[in-house]
C-alpha atoms as a PDB file:
ATOM      1  CA  MET A   1      98.478   5.471  32.918  1.00  0.00           C
ATOM      2  CA  MET A   2      98.849   5.918  29.058  1.00  0.00           C
ATOM      3  CA  PRO A   3      96.287   3.093  28.790  1.00  0.00           C
ATOM      4  CA  GLN A   4      93.940   4.281  31.755  1.00  0.00           C
ATOM      5  CA  LEU A   5      93.922   7.961  30.216  1.00  0.00           C
ATOM      6  CA  LEU A   6      93.256   6.354  26.729  1.00  0.00           C
ATOM      7  CA  ALA A   7      90.469   4.310  28.142  1.00  0.00           C
ATOM      8  CA  LEU A   8      88.999   7.682  29.481  1.00  0.00           C
ATOM      9  CA  LEU A   9      89.030   9.428  26.654  1.00  0.00           C
ATOM     10  CA  CYS A  10      87.415   7.158  24.682  1.00  0.00           C
ATOM     11  CA  THR A  11      84.926   6.776  27.481  1.00  0.00           C
ATOM     12  CA  GLY A  12      84.274  10.700  27.100  1.00  0.00           C
ATOM     13  CA  LEU A  13      84.096  10.810  23.479  1.00  0.00           C
ATOM     14  CA  CYS A  14      81.945   8.162  23.151  1.00  0.00           C
ATOM     15  CA  ALA A  15      79.486   9.311  25.823  1.00  0.00           C
ATOM     16  CA  GLY A  16      79.248  12.975  23.627  1.00  0.00           C
ATOM     17  CA  ARG A  17      78.515  10.759  20.606  1.00  0.00           C
ATOM     18  CA  GLY A  18      75.375   9.130  22.399  1.00  0.00           C
ATOM     19  CA  SER A  19      74.082  12.582  23.294  1.00  0.00           C
ATOM     20  CA  ARG A  20      73.889  13.681  19.727  1.00  0.00           C
ATOM     21  CA  GLY A  21      72.328  10.742  18.362  1.00  0.00           C
ATOM     22  CA  THR A  22      68.939   8.901  19.448  1.00  0.00           C
ATOM     23  CA  ASP A  23      67.258   8.000  22.175  1.00  0.00           C
ATOM     24  CA  GLY A  24      65.591   4.126  21.415  1.00  0.00           C
ATOM     25  CA  SER A  25      64.243   4.138  24.708  1.00  0.00           C
ATOM     26  CA  LEU A  26      62.025   7.409  23.503  1.00  0.00           C
ATOM     27  CA  PRO A  27      58.768   6.178  22.037  1.00  0.00           C
ATOM     28  CA  LYS A  28      58.246   7.338  18.147  1.00  0.00           C
ATOM     29  CA  PRO A  29      55.892  10.322  18.079  1.00  0.00           C
ATOM     30  CA  SER A  30      52.864  10.313  15.398  1.00  0.00           C
ATOM     31  CA  LEU A  31      52.573  13.266  12.566  1.00  0.00           C
ATOM     32  CA  ARG A  32      48.942  13.903  10.898  1.00  0.00           C
ATOM     33  CA  ALA A  33      47.094  16.797   8.580  1.00  0.00           C
ATOM     34  CA  TRP A  34      44.337  18.905   9.999  1.00  0.00           C
ATOM     35  CA  PRO A  35      42.041  18.782   7.883  1.00  0.00           C
ATOM     36  CA  SER A  36      43.922  16.470   5.299  1.00  0.00           C
ATOM     37  CA  SER A  37      47.019  16.262   3.883  1.00  0.00           C
ATOM     38  CA  VAL A  38      45.567  16.976   0.056  1.00  0.00           C
ATOM     39  CA  MET A  39      44.865  20.811   0.381  1.00  0.00           C
ATOM     40  CA  PRO A  40      44.075  23.536  -2.562  1.00  0.00           C
ATOM     41  CA  ARG A  41      46.402  25.986  -3.013  1.00  0.00           C
ATOM     42  CA  SER A  42      46.428  28.960  -1.008  1.00  0.00           C
ATOM     43  CA  GLY A  43      44.889  26.716   1.311  1.00  0.00           C
ATOM     44  CA  ASN A  44      45.741  26.457   4.991  1.00  0.00           C
ATOM     45  CA  VAL A  45      46.513  23.128   7.049  1.00  0.00           C
ATOM     46  CA  THR A  46      47.596  22.531  10.995  1.00  0.00           C
ATOM     47  CA  LEU A  47      50.097  19.464  11.262  1.00  0.00           C
ATOM     48  CA  ARG A  48      49.942  18.069  15.017  1.00  0.00           C
ATOM     49  CA  CYS A  49      53.158  16.025  16.052  1.00  0.00           C
ATOM     50  CA  GLN A  50      52.279  13.695  19.002  1.00  0.00           C
ATOM     51  CA  THR A  51      53.788  11.672  22.176  1.00  0.00           C
ATOM     52  CA  SER A  52      53.208   9.939  25.434  1.00  0.00           C
ATOM     53  CA  THR A  53      56.313  11.527  26.840  1.00  0.00           C
ATOM     54  CA  LYS A  54      55.882  15.000  28.559  1.00  0.00           C
ATOM     55  CA  ASN A  55      57.840  18.142  29.011  1.00  0.00           C
ATOM     56  CA  VAL A  56      59.624  17.553  25.468  1.00  0.00           C
ATOM     57  CA  ASN A  57      60.493  19.904  22.421  1.00  0.00           C
ATOM     58  CA  PHE A  58      58.925  18.904  19.473  1.00  0.00           C
ATOM     59  CA  VAL A  59      60.955  19.778  15.790  1.00  0.00           C
ATOM     60  CA  LEU A  60      58.882  19.803  12.291  1.00  0.00           C
ATOM     61  CA  ARG A  61      61.279  18.929   9.184  1.00  0.00           C
ATOM     62  CA  LYS A  62      60.506  18.402   5.738  1.00  0.00           C
ATOM     63  CA  GLY A  63      62.588  15.838   4.388  1.00  0.00           C
ATOM     64  CA  LYS A  64      65.602  15.578   6.859  1.00  0.00           C
ATOM     65  CA  VAL A  65      65.757  19.709   7.416  1.00  0.00           C
ATOM     66  CA  PRO A  66      63.953  21.419  10.073  1.00  0.00           C
ATOM     67  CA  LEU A  67      61.636  24.044   9.046  1.00  0.00           C
ATOM     68  CA  GLU A  68      63.219  27.789   9.720  1.00  0.00           C
ATOM     69  CA  SER A  69      59.553  29.157   9.374  1.00  0.00           C
ATOM     70  CA  VAL A  70      58.104  27.505  12.223  1.00  0.00           C
ATOM     71  CA  GLN A  71      59.647  27.418  15.618  1.00  0.00           C
ATOM     72  CA  SER A  72      60.021  24.407  17.455  1.00  0.00           C
ATOM     73  CA  TRP A  73      57.323  23.788  20.136  1.00  0.00           C
ATOM     74  CA  ILE A  74      58.363  23.345  24.404  1.00  0.00           C
ATOM     75  CA  SER A  75      55.266  21.226  25.326  1.00  0.00           C
ATOM     76  CA  THR A  76      53.721  19.737  28.472  1.00  0.00           C
ATOM     77  CA  ASP A  77      51.645  17.409  27.892  1.00  0.00           C
ATOM     78  CA  GLY A  78      53.200  15.455  24.620  1.00  0.00           C
ATOM     79  CA  LEU A  79      51.105  17.533  21.991  1.00  0.00           C
ATOM     80  CA  ALA A  80      52.525  20.431  19.299  1.00  0.00           C
ATOM     81  CA  GLU A  81      50.732  22.331  16.591  1.00  0.00           C
ATOM     82  CA  PHE A  82      52.441  23.497  13.584  1.00  0.00           C
ATOM     83  CA  GLN A  83      50.496  25.893  11.021  1.00  0.00           C
ATOM     84  CA  LEU A  84      51.488  25.671   7.495  1.00  0.00           C
ATOM     85  CA  THR A  85      49.284  28.873   5.515  1.00  0.00           C
ATOM     86  CA  ASP A  86      48.966  30.086   2.451  1.00  0.00           C
ATOM     87  CA  LEU A  87      49.920  26.518   0.784  1.00  0.00           C
ATOM     88  CA  GLN A  88      51.899  26.928  -2.826  1.00  0.00           C
ATOM     89  CA  THR A  89      53.562  24.477  -4.675  1.00  0.00           C
ATOM     90  CA  ASN A  90      56.871  24.128  -3.013  1.00  0.00           C
ATOM     91  CA  SER A  91      55.025  23.451   0.032  1.00  0.00           C
ATOM     92  CA  ALA A  92      53.983  19.887  -1.008  1.00  0.00           C
ATOM     93  CA  GLY A  93      56.714  17.466   0.344  1.00  0.00           C
ATOM     94  CA  GLU A  94      57.653  14.933   2.781  1.00  0.00           C
ATOM     95  CA  TYR A  95      57.526  15.679   6.506  1.00  0.00           C
ATOM     96  CA  THR A  96      58.167  14.243   9.746  1.00  0.00           C
ATOM     97  CA  CYS A  97      58.693  15.542  13.837  1.00  0.00           C
ATOM     98  CA  ASP A  98      60.959  14.240  16.550  1.00  0.00           C
ATOM     99  CA  TYR A  99      61.145  15.758  19.799  1.00  0.00           C
ATOM    100  CA  TYR A 100      63.936  15.770  22.528  1.00  0.00           C
ATOM    101  CA  ARG A 101      63.997  16.219  26.414  1.00  0.00           C
ATOM    102  CA  ARG A 102      64.734  19.600  27.913  1.00  0.00           C
ATOM    103  CA  GLY A 103      67.411  18.424  29.999  1.00  0.00           C
ATOM    104  CA  PRO A 104      71.058  16.634  29.421  1.00  0.00           C
ATOM    105  CA  PRO A 105      71.648  14.264  27.402  1.00  0.00           C
ATOM    106  CA  HIS A 106      69.770  16.121  24.855  1.00  0.00           C
ATOM    107  CA  THR A 107      68.759  12.660  22.772  1.00  0.00           C
ATOM    108  CA  ARG A 108      66.320  13.105  20.393  1.00  0.00           C
ATOM    109  CA  SER A 109      63.656  10.641  19.311  1.00  0.00           C
ATOM    110  CA  GLN A 110      63.026   8.596  16.273  1.00  0.00           C
ATOM    111  CA  PRO A 111      61.216  10.608  13.666  1.00  0.00           C
ATOM    112  CA  SER A 112      57.689   9.505  12.684  1.00  0.00           C
ATOM    113  CA  ASP A 113      56.536   8.104   9.812  1.00  0.00           C
ATOM    114  CA  VAL A 114      56.670  10.666   7.120  1.00  0.00           C
ATOM    115  CA  LEU A 115      53.229  12.360   6.075  1.00  0.00           C
ATOM    116  CA  LEU A 116      53.066  13.459   2.240  1.00  0.00           C
ATOM    117  CA  LEU A 117      51.445  17.048   2.158  1.00  0.00           C
ATOM    118  CA  LEU A 118      50.375  17.423  -1.698  1.00  0.00           C
ATOM    119  CA  VAL A 119      49.134  20.881  -3.216  1.00  0.00           C
ATOM    120  CA  THR A 120      46.466  20.360  -5.880  1.00  0.00           C
ATOM    121  CA  GLY A 121      46.256  22.289  -8.857  1.00  0.00           C
ATOM    122  CA  ASP A 122      49.530  21.652 -11.339  1.00  0.00           C
ATOM    123  CA  LEU A 123      48.271  18.965 -13.169  1.00  0.00           C
ATOM    124  CA  PRO A 124      44.701  17.903 -14.956  1.00  0.00           C
ATOM    125  CA  LYS A 125      41.965  16.792 -13.310  1.00  0.00           C
ATOM    126  CA  PRO A 126      40.863  13.127 -13.549  1.00  0.00           C
ATOM    127  CA  SER A 127      37.757  10.927 -13.329  1.00  0.00           C
ATOM    128  CA  LEU A 128      36.652   8.591 -11.231  1.00  0.00           C
ATOM    129  CA  GLN A 129      33.857   5.826 -11.857  1.00  0.00           C
ATOM    130  CA  ALA A 130      32.431   3.013 -10.010  1.00  0.00           C
ATOM    131  CA  HIS A 131      32.031  -0.947 -11.697  1.00  0.00           C
ATOM    132  CA  GLN A 132      28.621  -1.079  -9.574  1.00  0.00           C
ATOM    133  CA  ARG A 133      25.839   0.840 -10.434  1.00  0.00           C
ATOM    134  CA  GLY A 134      23.647   2.041  -7.535  1.00  0.00           C
ATOM    135  CA  GLU A 135      23.795   0.747  -3.798  1.00  0.00           C
ATOM    136  CA  VAL A 136      26.380  -1.426  -2.706  1.00  0.00           C
ATOM    137  CA  THR A 137      25.555  -4.006  -0.584  1.00  0.00           C
ATOM    138  CA  SER A 138      27.972  -4.574   2.984  1.00  0.00           C
ATOM    139  CA  GLY A 139      29.937  -7.698   2.892  1.00  0.00           C
ATOM    140  CA  ASP A 140      30.746  -6.960  -0.945  1.00  0.00           C
ATOM    141  CA  THR A 141      33.923  -5.626  -2.809  1.00  0.00           C
ATOM    142  CA  MET A 142      33.577  -1.831  -4.420  1.00  0.00           C
ATOM    143  CA  THR A 143      35.690  -1.251  -7.343  1.00  0.00           C
ATOM    144  CA  LEU A 144      36.701   2.635  -8.107  1.00  0.00           C
ATOM    145  CA  ARG A 145      38.488   3.796 -11.350  1.00  0.00           C
ATOM    146  CA  CYS A 146      40.532   6.510 -11.297  1.00  0.00           C
ATOM    147  CA  GLN A 147      41.553   7.862 -15.003  1.00  0.00           C
ATOM    148  CA  THR A 148      43.299  10.728 -16.486  1.00  0.00           C
ATOM    149  CA  ALA A 149      42.730  12.031 -19.882  1.00  0.00           C
ATOM    150  CA  ALA A 150      45.889  13.989 -20.090  1.00  0.00           C
ATOM    151  CA  SER A 151      48.929  12.614 -21.892  1.00  0.00           C
ATOM    152  CA  VAL A 152      51.467  11.626 -19.331  1.00  0.00           C
ATOM    153  CA  TYR A 153      54.739  10.888 -20.368  1.00  0.00           C
ATOM    154  CA  GLU A 154      56.268   9.896 -16.608  1.00  0.00           C
ATOM    155  CA  THR A 155      54.715   7.383 -14.535  1.00  0.00           C
ATOM    156  CA  ILE A 156      52.207   8.862 -11.334  1.00  0.00           C
ATOM    157  CA  MET A 157      50.805   8.164  -8.456  1.00  0.00           C
ATOM    158  CA  PHE A 158      46.998   7.783  -7.592  1.00  0.00           C
ATOM    159  CA  ALA A 159      45.506   8.464  -4.486  1.00  0.00           C
ATOM    160  CA  LEU A 160      41.511   7.525  -3.308  1.00  0.00           C
ATOM    161  CA  LEU A 161      39.966  10.764  -1.223  1.00  0.00           C
ATOM    162  CA  LYS A 162      37.020  10.556   0.931  1.00  0.00           C
ATOM    163  CA  THR A 163      35.454  13.550   2.475  1.00  0.00           C
ATOM    164  CA  GLY A 164      36.220  14.141   5.723  1.00  0.00           C
ATOM    165  CA  GLU A 165      38.737  11.450   5.899  1.00  0.00           C
ATOM    166  CA  ALA A 166      42.386  13.606   6.871  1.00  0.00           C
ATOM    167  CA  GLY A 167      44.425  11.796   4.284  1.00  0.00           C
ATOM    168  CA  PRO A 168      43.952   9.475   1.721  1.00  0.00           C
ATOM    169  CA  VAL A 169      41.964   5.980   1.682  1.00  0.00           C
ATOM    170  CA  GLN A 170      44.500   4.170  -0.501  1.00  0.00           C
ATOM    171  CA  LEU A 171      47.570   4.805  -2.564  1.00  0.00           C
ATOM    172  CA  GLN A 172      48.167   3.116  -6.265  1.00  0.00           C
ATOM    173  CA  GLY A 173      50.999   3.373  -8.905  1.00  0.00           C
ATOM    174  CA  PRO A 174      53.152   4.366 -10.352  1.00  0.00           C
ATOM    175  CA  VAL A 175      51.167   3.898 -13.373  1.00  0.00           C
ATOM    176  CA  LYS A 176      50.659   5.589 -16.916  1.00  0.00           C
ATOM    177  CA  LYS A 177      47.208   6.866 -17.196  1.00  0.00           C
ATOM    178  CA  GLU A 178      44.727   4.536 -15.015  1.00  0.00           C
ATOM    179  CA  THR A 179      44.117   2.593 -11.533  1.00  0.00           C
ATOM    180  CA  ASP A 180      41.537   0.733  -9.744  1.00  0.00           C
ATOM    181  CA  PHE A 181      41.135   0.966  -5.963  1.00  0.00           C
ATOM    182  CA  SER A 182      39.694  -2.200  -4.973  1.00  0.00           C
ATOM    183  CA  LEU A 183      37.504  -2.079  -1.440  1.00  0.00           C
ATOM    184  CA  GLN A 184      36.609  -5.023  -0.303  1.00  0.00           C
ATOM    185  CA  ASN A 185      34.388  -5.835   2.579  1.00  0.00           C
ATOM    186  CA  VAL A 186      32.722  -2.656   2.344  1.00  0.00           C
ATOM    187  CA  THR A 187      30.603  -1.534   5.498  1.00  0.00           C
ATOM    188  CA  ALA A 188      27.966   1.163   6.412  1.00  0.00           C
ATOM    189  CA  GLY A 189      30.934   3.344   7.266  1.00  0.00           C
ATOM    190  CA  ASP A 190      32.239   3.405   3.917  1.00  0.00           C
ATOM    191  CA  THR A 191      29.337   5.372   2.725  1.00  0.00           C
ATOM    192  CA  GLY A 192      30.275   8.699   1.425  1.00  0.00           C
ATOM    193  CA  ASN A 193      31.951  10.615  -1.267  1.00  0.00           C
ATOM    194  CA  TYR A 194      34.722   9.671  -2.946  1.00  0.00           C
ATOM    195  CA  SER A 195      37.214  11.495  -5.265  1.00  0.00           C
ATOM    196  CA  CYS A 196      40.635  10.580  -6.602  1.00  0.00           C
ATOM    197  CA  VAL A 197      43.840  12.806  -7.514  1.00  0.00           C
ATOM    198  CA  THR A 198      47.433  12.267  -9.302  1.00  0.00           C
ATOM    199  CA  PHE A 199      50.212  13.381  -8.147  1.00  0.00           C
ATOM    200  CA  GLN A 200      54.000  12.888  -8.910  1.00  0.00           C
ATOM    201  CA  ALA A 201      56.197  10.232  -6.967  1.00  0.00           C
ATOM    202  CA  SER A 202      59.053  12.552  -6.419  1.00  0.00           C
ATOM    203  CA  ALA A 203      60.026  16.083  -5.987  1.00  0.00           C
ATOM    204  CA  PRO A 204      58.414  18.636  -6.405  1.00  0.00           C
ATOM    205  CA  PHE A 205      55.351  16.169  -6.129  1.00  0.00           C
ATOM    206  CA  TRP A 206      52.916  18.044  -8.412  1.00  0.00           C
ATOM    207  CA  ALA A 207      48.961  17.020  -7.743  1.00  0.00           C
ATOM    208  CA  SER A 208      46.152  17.446  -9.753  1.00  0.00           C
ATOM    209  CA  LYS A 209      42.731  18.695  -9.042  1.00  0.00           C
ATOM    210  CA  PRO A 210      40.120  16.676  -7.319  1.00  0.00           C
ATOM    211  CA  SER A 211      38.279  14.571  -9.326  1.00  0.00           C
ATOM    212  CA  ASP A 212      34.629  14.955  -9.580  1.00  0.00           C
ATOM    213  CA  HIS A 213      32.648  13.473  -6.094  1.00  0.00           C
ATOM    214  CA  LEU A 214      31.177  10.242  -6.233  1.00  0.00           C
ATOM    215  CA  GLU A 215      28.491   9.243  -3.928  1.00  0.00           C
ATOM    216  CA  ILE A 216      29.002   5.389  -2.262  1.00  0.00           C
ATOM    217  CA  ARG A 217      26.270   3.998  -0.687  1.00  0.00           C
ATOM    218  CA  VAL A 218      26.647   0.907   1.150  1.00  0.00           C
ATOM    219  CA  THR A 219      23.557  -0.769   2.666  1.00  0.00           C
ATOM    220  CA  ASP A 220      23.353  -3.155   5.581  1.00  0.00           C
ATOM    221  CA  LYS A 221      21.892  -6.406   4.385  1.00  0.00           C
ATOM    222  CA  THR A 222      19.632  -6.402   7.920  1.00  0.00           C
ATOM    223  CA  GLU A 223      18.267  -2.882   6.873  1.00  0.00           C
ATOM    224  CA  MET A 224      17.446  -4.742   3.401  1.00  0.00           C
ATOM    225  CA  LYS A 225      15.569  -7.549   4.940  1.00  0.00           C
ATOM    226  CA  HIS A 226      13.235  -5.021   6.950  1.00  0.00           C
ATOM    227  CA  PRO A 227      11.645  -3.122   4.350  1.00  0.00           C
ATOM    228  CA  LYS A 228      11.058  -6.387   2.595  1.00  0.00           C
ATOM    229  CA  MET A 229       9.058  -7.114   5.737  1.00  0.00           C
ATOM    230  CA  VAL A 230       7.359  -4.239   6.238  1.00  0.00           C
ATOM    231  CA  GLY A 231       6.664  -4.299   2.676  1.00  0.00           C
ATOM    232  CA  THR A 232       4.987  -7.639   2.720  1.00  0.00           C
ATOM    233  CA  GLY A 233       3.087  -6.820   5.812  1.00  0.00           C
ATOM    234  CA  ILE A 234       1.695  -3.766   4.103  1.00  0.00           C
ATOM    235  CA  GLY A 235       1.069  -5.734   1.445  1.00  0.00           C
ATOM    236  CA  THR A 236      -1.419  -8.281   3.537  1.00  0.00           C
ATOM    237  CA  LEU A 237      -2.955  -5.552   5.431  1.00  0.00           C
ATOM    238  CA  ALA A 238      -4.184  -3.885   2.202  1.00  0.00           C
ATOM    239  CA  ILE A 239      -5.618  -7.477   0.532  1.00  0.00           C
ATOM    240  CA  THR A 240      -7.753  -7.565   3.919  1.00  0.00           C
ATOM    241  CA  LEU A 241      -8.693  -4.600   3.864  1.00  0.00           C
ATOM    242  CA  ILE A 242      -9.891  -4.944  -0.115  1.00  0.00           C
ATOM    243  CA  VAL A 243     -11.773  -8.412   0.870  1.00  0.00           C
ATOM    244  CA  ILE A 244     -13.600  -6.750   3.612  1.00  0.00           C
ATOM    245  CA  SER A 245     -14.579  -3.731   1.328  1.00  0.00           C
ATOM    246  CA  ILE A 246     -15.813  -6.102  -0.954  1.00  0.00           C
ATOM    247  CA  PHE A 247     -17.483  -8.415   1.429  1.00  0.00           C
ATOM    248  CA  LEU A 248     -19.535  -5.315   3.270  1.00  0.00           C
ATOM    249  CA  VAL A 249     -20.417  -3.830  -0.280  1.00  0.00           C
ATOM    250  CA  LEU A 250     -22.270  -7.370  -0.915  1.00  0.00           C
ATOM    251  CA  LEU A 251     -23.636  -7.321   2.244  1.00  0.00           C
ATOM    252  CA  GLY A 252     -25.388  -3.599   1.865  1.00  0.00           C
ATOM    253  CA  ALA A 253     -26.795  -4.843  -1.701  1.00  0.00           C
ATOM    254  CA  PHE A 254     -28.424  -7.994  -0.397  1.00  0.00           C
ATOM    255  CA  LEU A 255     -29.771  -6.079   2.322  1.00  0.00           C
ATOM    256  CA  ILE A 256     -31.169  -3.120   0.361  1.00  0.00           C
ATOM    257  CA  CYS A 257     -32.839  -5.843  -2.296  1.00  0.00           C
ATOM    258  CA  LYS A 258     -34.075  -7.690   0.449  1.00  0.00           C
ATOM    259  CA  TYR A 259     -36.064  -4.784   1.907  1.00  0.00           C
ATOM    260  CA  THR A 260     -37.246  -3.131  -1.731  1.00  0.00           C
ATOM    261  CA  ARG A 261     -38.684  -6.639  -2.611  1.00  0.00           C
ATOM    262  CA  CYS A 262     -40.552  -6.534   1.105  1.00  0.00           C
ATOM    263  CA  GLY A 263     -41.640  -3.421  -0.223  1.00  0.00           C
ATOM    264  CA  ALA A 264     -42.947  -4.252  -3.553  1.00  0.00           C
ATOM    265  CA  ALA A 265     -45.015  -7.198  -2.362  1.00  0.00           C
ATOM    266  CA  PRO A 266     -47.985  -5.523  -0.985  1.00  0.00           C
ATOM    267  CA  GLU A 267     -48.005  -3.311  -4.058  1.00  0.00           C
ATOM    268  CA  LYS A 268     -48.568  -6.559  -5.846  1.00  0.00           C
ATOM    269  CA  VAL A 269     -51.178  -7.738  -3.940  1.00  0.00           C
ATOM    270  CA  THR A 270     -53.190  -4.928  -4.023  1.00  0.00           C
ATOM    271  CA  LYS A 271     -52.883  -4.271  -7.894  1.00  0.00           C
ATOM    272  CA  ARG A 272     -54.196  -8.120  -8.204  1.00  0.00           C
ATOM    273  CA  SER A 273     -57.351  -7.605  -6.099  1.00  0.00           C
ATOM    274  CA  HIS A 274     -58.358  -4.360  -7.912  1.00  0.00           C
ATOM    275  CA  SER A 275     -57.380  -6.579 -11.306  1.00  0.00           C
ATOM    276  CA  GLU A 276     -59.191  -9.468 -10.213  1.00  0.00           C
ATOM    277  CA  GLY A 277     -62.057  -7.859  -8.519  1.00  0.00           C
ATOM    278  CA  PRO A 278     -64.281  -7.139 -12.050  1.00  0.00           C
ATOM    279  CA  GLU A 279     -63.296 -10.646 -13.242  1.00  0.00           C
ATOM    280  CA  GLU A 280     -65.157 -11.942 -10.139  1.00  0.00           C
ATOM    281  CA  VAL A 281     -68.237  -9.831 -10.684  1.00  0.00           C
ATOM    282  CA  ARG A 282     -68.215 -10.910 -14.074  1.00  0.00           C
ATOM    283  CA  THR A 283     -68.035 -14.348 -13.582  1.00  0.00           C
ATOM    284  CA  SER A 284     -70.897 -14.418 -10.683  1.00  0.00           C
ATOM    285  CA  THR A 285     -73.432 -12.526 -13.110  1.00  0.00           C
ATOM    286  CA  GLN A 286     -73.044 -15.427 -15.960  1.00  0.00           C
ATOM    287  CA  PRO A 287     -75.283 -17.930 -13.631  1.00  0.00           C
ATOM    288  CA  GLU A 288     -78.311 -15.328 -14.138  1.00  0.00           C
ATOM    289  CA  LYS A 289     -78.594 -15.227 -17.623  1.00  0.00           C
ATOM    290  CA  GLU A 290     -78.278 -19.224 -17.530  1.00  0.00           C
ATOM    291  CA  SER A 291     -80.592 -19.768 -14.603  1.00  0.00           C
ATOM    292  CA  GLY A 292     -82.875 -17.059 -14.738  1.00  0.00           C
ATOM    293  CA  ASP A 293     -83.496 -16.937 -10.720  1.00  0.00           C
ATOM    294  CA  PRO A 294     -83.836 -13.065  -9.294  1.00  0.00           C
ATOM    295  CA  SER A 295     -82.680 -14.102  -5.899  1.00  0.00           C
ATOM    296  CA  ALA A 296     -79.326 -15.849  -7.086  1.00  0.00           C
ATOM    297  CA  ALA A 297     -78.927 -12.874  -9.492  1.00  0.00           C
ATOM    298  CA  LEU A 298     -79.153 -10.747  -6.478  1.00  0.00           C
ATOM    299  CA  MET A 299     -76.824 -12.755  -4.055  1.00  0.00           C
ATOM    300  CA  SER A 300     -73.947 -12.517  -6.576  1.00  0.00           C
ATOM    301  CA  SER A 301     -74.650  -8.687  -7.200  1.00  0.00           C
ATOM    302  CA  SER A 302     -74.259  -8.323  -3.273  1.00  0.00           C
ATOM    303  CA  LEU A 303     -71.045  -9.935  -2.673  1.00  0.00           C
ATOM    304  CA  ALA A 304     -69.839  -8.695  -5.602  1.00  0.00           C
ATOM    305  CA  LEU A 305     -70.928  -5.177  -4.567  1.00  0.00           C
ATOM    306  CA  ASP A 306     -69.516  -6.072  -0.871  1.00  0.00           C
ATOM    307  CA  ARG A 307     -65.851  -6.760  -2.437  1.00  0.00           C
ATOM    308  CA  ALA A 308     -66.098  -3.572  -4.281  1.00  0.00           C
ATOM    309  CA  SER A 309     -66.783  -1.716  -1.209  1.00  0.00           C
ATOM    310  CA  LEU A 310     -64.097  -3.474   0.743  1.00  0.00           C
ATOM    311  CA  VAL A 311     -61.767  -2.238  -1.744  1.00  0.00           C
ATOM    312  CA  SER A 312     -63.246   1.147  -1.802  1.00  0.00           C
ATOM    313  CA  ARG A 313     -63.063   1.423   1.763  1.00  0.00           C
ATOM    314  CA  ALA A 314     -58.903   0.499   1.165  1.00  0.00           C
ATOM    315  CA  GLU A 315     -58.720   3.368  -1.060  1.00  0.00           C
ATOM    316  CA  GLU A 316     -60.627   6.324   0.728  1.00  0.00           C
ATOM    317  CA  PRO A 317     -58.982   8.254   2.934  1.00  0.00           C
ATOM    318  CA  PRO A 318     -59.544   8.498   6.858  1.00  0.00           C
ATOM    319  CA  GLY A 319     -62.545  10.398   8.145  1.00  0.00           C
ATOM    320  CA  VAL A 320     -65.329   9.099   5.916  1.00  0.00           C
ATOM    321  CA  THR A 321     -68.439   6.870   8.094  1.00  0.00           C
ATOM    322  CA  TYR A 322     -69.789   4.284   6.725  1.00  0.00           C
ATOM    323  CA  ALA A 323     -73.768   2.845   7.130  1.00  0.00           C
ATOM    324  CA  GLU A 324     -74.945  -1.119   6.462  1.00  0.00           C
ATOM    325  CA  LEU A 325     -78.376  -1.723   4.367  1.00  0.00           C
ATOM    326  CA  ASN A 326     -80.097  -4.599   4.176  1.00  0.00           C
ATOM    327  CA  THR A 327     -81.282  -5.282   0.837  1.00  0.00           C
ATOM    328  CA  ARG A 328     -82.778  -8.690   1.274  1.00  0.00           C
ATOM    329  CA  ALA A 329     -84.838  -6.723   3.539  1.00  0.00           C
ATOM    330  CA  LEU A 330     -86.260  -3.834   1.689  1.00  0.00           C
ATOM    331  CA  SER A 331     -87.079  -6.391  -1.495  1.00  0.00           C
ATOM    332  CA  GLU A 332     -89.364  -8.792   0.959  1.00  0.00           C
ATOM    333  CA  GLY A 333     -91.089  -6.583   3.111  1.00  0.00           C
ATOM    334  CA  PRO A 334     -91.350  -6.181   7.298  1.00  0.00           C
ATOM    335  CA  SER A 335     -92.619  -9.782   8.139  1.00  0.00           C
ATOM    336  CA  ARG A 336     -89.826 -11.289   5.953  1.00  0.00           C
ATOM    337  CA  GLN A 337     -87.230  -9.320   7.535  1.00  0.00           C
ATOM    338  CA  MET A 338     -88.334 -10.032  10.923  1.00  0.00           C
ATOM    339  CA  GLN A 339     -88.175 -13.819  10.290  1.00  0.00           C
ATOM    340  CA  GLN A 340     -85.128 -13.994   8.120  1.00  0.00           C
ATOM    341  CA  PRO A 341     -81.587 -13.405  10.143  1.00  0.00           C
ATOM    342  CA  LEU A 342     -79.166 -11.057   9.166  1.00  0.00           C
ATOM    343  CA  GLU A 343     -77.221 -12.125   6.007  1.00  0.00           C
ATOM    344  CA  ALA A 344     -74.542 -10.748   3.699  1.00  0.00           C
ATOM    345  CA  CYS A 345     -74.763  -6.937   3.375  1.00  0.00           C
ATOM    346  CA  VAL A 346     -73.652  -4.218   0.975  1.00  0.00           C
ATOM    347  CA  TYR A 347     -71.754  -0.931   2.181  1.00  0.00           C
ATOM    348  CA  SER A 348     -72.755   2.207   0.644  1.00  0.00           C
ATOM    349  CA  THR A 349     -70.422   5.442   1.424  1.00  0.00           C
ATOM    350  CA  LEU A 350     -71.596   8.087   3.209  1.00  0.00           C
ATOM    351  CA  LYS A 351     -69.276  11.528   2.686  1.00  0.00           C
ATOM    352  CA  ALA A 352     -69.449  14.104   5.443  1.00  0.00           C
END
């Protein structure tokens, strides 16, 4: 009997200890901060604890101590939100959350991963610089250096922050005054504004003010090739337009020159005929002095007058009437006029 009673008592004690312990079958919850786990003094933050298990109670802990300022949540959908307002230096620290079932046995889950909440403003502001200047191409390695100007007598931690991220992008340390953050195989998603803070690696977790923002732009390689192709097309089009414009200008100059010369040709002919007329008259009158033949002189004079009359007719305006006279008939008489055929005539101008 005694051995059986001892066995039953041991079973009860073991069961009791198990009910106060953790249950490995319950999944570990996750803990996240919104909008960020690095907050300024007097700010507000929300800590979200979540699990896939339904109908459980959540507990938020700072270190290993449950927070009395926030009551445990009873959640039916596996999500609990804890509000921390008016943050101060003593609000910084390591936070975890866990949950337990409502009904017996009241076992609790494993704690979540530690969330470090930093409240900035107690240490001097550091500086952040990039080793590369200008834009960074996707696939490259981007190195950012965070450096503090203050004299630090103890090792400190460095955190790289990115606007829009709920927590630090990277943590480095503990070191004395500076450290490098290396972002390898960057993509367009790494584009954004970065800053860094320094903080103590242990309680009370004092943190500095964030450094000034550093804007980083990551360009995709395919996007870099596209503008070059567009630029080449625009350059080719511009050269083509210039060549066409030069061709049109030369063609226009050629046509203008051609039609201008054609228009000037009749004037040159007219000037030559005007200038050559008197020379022909003088040439035709020279035989008159040498031969002494009155009829030949009359013929030459008649031809000269005929040409001069034609030139004057070309220069006369419209509305003029011309009459034809036979000078030989006048000199030879009526009988001679009937026998001889009409020959060269001289035109005399009769103005109306």
